Structures are given as structure tokens and as C-alpha cells.
């Protein structure tokens, strides 16, 4: 019985740790995304691209980050 209890405790700890890591990644992704938006407002598109890429690395299915990354690339490509 104590073996089962120990396994259950270990599983609960693992779930808690995983949820903390996932929440941290999401928060970090938002931070990079916000920095990217700030860089766009400052016309620093190269820096914006790097921040959007970092956000996407942390949240690969974030459509808005891909859109903003594309916008930044587009602006760089159209710049003289």
C-alpha cells in the first residue's frame, strides 16, 4: 500500500512541476511577443523578428505571433 502511495505522490509532484513549466513558457512567450510589438512601434524590425521567433519557439501554435512575424518580415523586405 505504501508503494502505491509513494507512486501517487510522485505522480502528483510531476503534474505540479509540469504545469509550472507550461505556465512559465506561456508567460515568457507573452513577454517576447510584447517586446516584439514594442520593437515594431519603434521601427526596430530586426529586433521584433527575433522576439516574435522566441515567442513562437515557446508557443508554436500561436497564430497571432506568426502574423506579427510575417508583418515584420514584410516591412523589412519592403524597406529601401
C-alpha atoms as a PDB file:
ATOM      1  CA  UNK A   1       0.000   0.000   0.000  1.00  0.00           C
ATOM      2  CA  UNK A   2       2.816   2.435   0.819  1.00  0.00           C
ATOM      3  CA  UNK A   3       4.369   1.761  -2.590  1.00  0.00           C
ATOM      4  CA  UNK A   4       1.139   2.844  -4.262  1.00  0.00           C
ATOM      5  CA  UNK A   5       1.008   5.940  -2.077  1.00  0.00           C
ATOM      6  CA  UNK A   6       4.596   6.819  -2.966  1.00  0.00           C
ATOM      7  CA  UNK A   7       3.855   6.429  -6.683  1.00  0.00           C
ATOM      8  CA  UNK A   8       0.763   8.602  -6.351  1.00  0.00           C
ATOM      9  CA  UNK A   9       2.730  11.299  -4.517  1.00  0.00           C
ATOM     10  CA  UNK A  10       5.443  11.211  -7.184  1.00  0.00           C
ATOM     11  CA  UNK A  11       2.828  11.495  -9.937  1.00  0.00           C
ATOM     12  CA  UNK A  12       1.182  14.489  -8.224  1.00  0.00           C
ATOM     13  CA  UNK A  13       4.558  16.200  -7.892  1.00  0.00           C
ATOM     14  CA  UNK A  14       5.321  15.566 -11.551  1.00  0.00           C
ATOM     15  CA  UNK A  15       1.972  17.041 -12.618  1.00  0.00           C
ATOM     16  CA  UNK A  16       2.558  20.137 -10.490  1.00  0.00           C
ATOM     17  CA  UNK A  17       6.046  20.639 -11.916  1.00  0.00           C
ATOM     18  CA  UNK A  18       4.846  20.202 -15.499  1.00  0.00           C
ATOM     19  CA  UNK A  19       2.022  22.699 -15.041  1.00  0.00           C
ATOM     20  CA  UNK A  20       4.501  25.213 -13.609  1.00  0.00           C
ATOM     21  CA  UNK A  21       6.837  24.781 -16.590  1.00  0.00           C
ATOM     22  CA  UNK A  22       3.981  25.129 -19.086  1.00  0.00           C
ATOM     23  CA  UNK A  23       2.686  28.269 -17.363  1.00  0.00           C
ATOM     24  CA  UNK A  24       6.194  29.730 -17.291  1.00  0.00           C
ATOM     25  CA  UNK A  25       6.687  29.106 -21.022  1.00  0.00           C
ATOM     26  CA  UNK A  26       3.378  30.775 -21.798  1.00  0.00           C
ATOM     27  CA  UNK A  27       4.291  33.789 -19.686  1.00  0.00           C
ATOM     28  CA  UNK A  28       7.730  34.002 -21.301  1.00  0.00           C
ATOM     29  CA  UNK A  29       6.149  33.742 -24.743  1.00  0.00           C
ATOM     30  CA  UNK A  30       3.835  36.651 -23.936  1.00  0.00           C
ATOM     31  CA  UNK A  31       6.815  38.704 -22.738  1.00  0.00           C
ATOM     32  CA  UNK A  32       8.696  38.109 -26.005  1.00  0.00           C
ATOM     33  CA  UNK A  33       5.573  38.855 -28.021  1.00  0.00           C
ATOM     34  CA  UNK A  34       5.069  42.150 -26.167  1.00  0.00           C
ATOM     35  CA  UNK A  35       8.706  43.088 -26.737  1.00  0.00           C
ATOM     36  CA  UNK A  36       8.284  42.324 -30.416  1.00  0.00           C
ATOM     37  CA  UNK A  37       5.254  44.634 -30.610  1.00  0.00           C
ATOM     38  CA  UNK A  38       7.225  47.386 -28.844  1.00  0.00           C
ATOM     39  CA  UNK A  39      10.094  46.957 -31.295  1.00  0.00           C
ATOM     40  CA  UNK A  40       7.651  47.293 -34.195  1.00  0.00           C
ATOM     41  CA  UNK A  41       6.374  50.566 -32.739  1.00  0.00           C
ATOM     42  CA  UNK A  42       9.984  51.764 -32.544  1.00  0.00           C
ATOM     43  CA  UNK A  43      10.620  50.690 -36.166  1.00  0.00           C
ATOM     44  CA  UNK A  44      13.204  48.161 -34.951  1.00  0.00           C
ATOM     45  CA  UNK A  45      12.006  45.331 -37.147  1.00  0.00           C
ATOM     46  CA  UNK A  46      15.109  43.133 -36.871  1.00  0.00           C
ATOM     47  CA  UNK A  47      14.717  43.060 -33.091  1.00  0.00           C
ATOM     48  CA  UNK A  48      10.970  42.489 -33.448  1.00  0.00           C
ATOM     49  CA  UNK A  49      11.608  39.438 -35.644  1.00  0.00           C
ATOM     50  CA  UNK A  50      13.901  37.934 -33.012  1.00  0.00           C
ATOM     51  CA  UNK A  51      11.338  38.481 -30.247  1.00  0.00           C
ATOM     52  CA  UNK A  52       8.469  37.008 -32.286  1.00  0.00           C
ATOM     53  CA  UNK A  53      10.649  33.994 -33.113  1.00  0.00           C
ATOM     54  CA  UNK A  54      11.345  33.457 -29.412  1.00  0.00           C
ATOM     55  CA  UNK A  55       7.624  33.691 -28.641  1.00  0.00           C
ATOM     56  CA  UNK A  56       6.833  31.141 -31.349  1.00  0.00           C
ATOM     57  CA  UNK A  57       9.524  28.781 -30.079  1.00  0.00           C
ATOM     58  CA  UNK A  58       7.769  28.767 -26.702  1.00  0.00           C
ATOM     59  CA  UNK A  59       4.200  28.629 -28.107  1.00  0.00           C
ATOM     60  CA  UNK A  60       4.422  27.029 -31.566  1.00  0.00           C
ATOM     61  CA  UNK A  61       0.679  27.217 -32.301  1.00  0.00           C
ATOM     62  CA  UNK A  62       0.302  30.969 -31.639  1.00  0.00           C
ATOM     63  CA  UNK A  63      -1.199  32.322 -34.854  1.00  0.00           C
ATOM     64  CA  UNK A  64      -1.003  35.982 -33.833  1.00  0.00           C
ATOM     65  CA  UNK A  65       2.741  35.694 -33.233  1.00  0.00           C
ATOM     66  CA  UNK A  66       3.199  34.181 -36.712  1.00  0.00           C
ATOM     67  CA  UNK A  67       1.142  37.004 -38.198  1.00  0.00           C
ATOM     68  CA  UNK A  68       3.219  39.687 -36.455  1.00  0.00           C
ATOM     69  CA  UNK A  69       6.417  37.915 -37.511  1.00  0.00           C
ATOM     70  CA  UNK A  70       5.219  37.956 -41.115  1.00  0.00           C
ATOM     71  CA  UNK A  71       4.344  41.637 -40.868  1.00  0.00           C
ATOM     72  CA  UNK A  72       7.819  42.429 -39.535  1.00  0.00           C
ATOM     73  CA  UNK A  73       9.481  40.391 -42.301  1.00  0.00           C
ATOM     74  CA  UNK A  74       7.294  42.127 -44.875  1.00  0.00           C
ATOM     75  CA  UNK A  75       8.291  45.552 -43.623  1.00  0.00           C
ATOM     76  CA  UNK A  76      11.976  44.613 -43.720  1.00  0.00           C
ATOM     77  CA  UNK A  77      11.628  43.269 -47.271  1.00  0.00           C
ATOM     78  CA  UNK A  78       9.870  46.418 -48.490  1.00  0.00           C
ATOM     79  CA  UNK A  79      12.328  48.815 -46.859  1.00  0.00           C
ATOM     80  CA  UNK A  80      14.734  50.576 -49.208  1.00  0.00           C
END
